[in-house]
Amino acid sequence: SGLAYIGNSQHRLGTAAACAVKRIILDERVARAAARQGADLREGFEVGEQVSFDAEAGLWTVRSTDSSVAPVRARALVCADGSTSRLATQLGLCNAPPQGVSSRSFIEGGTHNTKFDGVCFYPRWSLPGYAAIFRHAKDELGFCYYLIPCGADADKGQLGSVTADDLRRLHEDALRRDPFISRAVGPKAKIERMRAGSLRVGSQGVERTYADHVLVVGDAAGHIDPLTGEGIHTAMMGGKIVAETLLEVRAAGDYSARSLKLFERRWYDKFGYDFAFSQRGAELVWRFPILLDACAAEMQRTGDVMMARWAEVMTNMRPKTYFLRPDVALPMGVALVREIWAQKIMGRKSTYELADA
């Protein structure tokens, strides 16, 4: 309704809850690190549709779209090819397209008014989706808008009160007409054109993440939090679990689905169990936006204490059930009562409205 709080969660936590880095930079650093540890890095090897499995030999053959490049053969195939995952779909492990969507625009450093490192914005018209601004290196900003599956028809494209078709309008309206976002961006900002991507949240459409000689991980497996739309951290945790699992099955000489099922059990125990609570949280904030107002009001009242708790939960440092702890739930309950009184009894109006076009 217009309540806001910007604090210093790093000071409270003793460390940053998150960092902002361009995906292309992160991917290259990870690939180079793997190569330094002995991985055979095949740059420019674009995987096409020619992926086949020889059951008798127990070997996968993966061919490049460039027929002049020698194919790769391996005992195990890891599908880590993003939310649309053609490989997982081709193998029958993924049976539906991703339903969530997100946008991104970078804003040139020195052309904006932003002083903070990172802030999330929750306009009621796109809940449980939200917009965010994060500062990158050289004062560059990343502006994103996330639309998250929610509602009775979430499996058919319902994203709360909007659909994927609304993404561009919401993204552009936020930059020009949102009172908070437009002020942070400023009138002279040099903004890159919007890019969009799909989000497969909470393992949506993925029946299982393993099969004989196959594992599915990251966005391809739907390892994206259904409340935040974020998934790089879970993808990296999942990647580590993939490596540990493959080392064990290689030592045992058993790449069967029965053996690789261990991977799914491990990622579920590490972070997947939290997805159901995240989905419930998304449904709650969509139906009852006053919960977010209560949280912001409690941050204003207590300062970085509540801010740090929020940051820990929203960045997966703590599970969503952390909000059910008495020392968190009771103050939040009192804050909710205050907000109900202020909005429903005293008639406080929302100040979060789009400016005229």
Foldseek 3Di string as FASTA:
>chain_A
DAQDDDACLCVVVVHDLDADDDPVVVVVVVLVVVVVVPDDDDPPFAWDPPWDADVVVQKIWTHGPPNVDHIDIDNADEQAPAQQGPPCVVVVQFAAHFQKKKKKKKWAAPQWQADDAKDWAPDLQQAVKTWMWGAHPPRMIMIMTIQFQADPVSRVADRQNDGPVCHVVVSVLQCPWWPVNVNGGDDRIDMGDMDMDGAQALQPRGPAQAFQRYGYAWRNRRQAARRQSDTPVLRVVLVVLVVVLVVVCVVVVGRGRVSCSVSVVVSCVVPSVLNVVSRVVRHCCSVPVLLVVLLSVVCVVPPNVSVNVVSCPSSVVDGPCVCVPCVNVVSSVVSSVVSCCVCVVVNDDDPGDTDDD
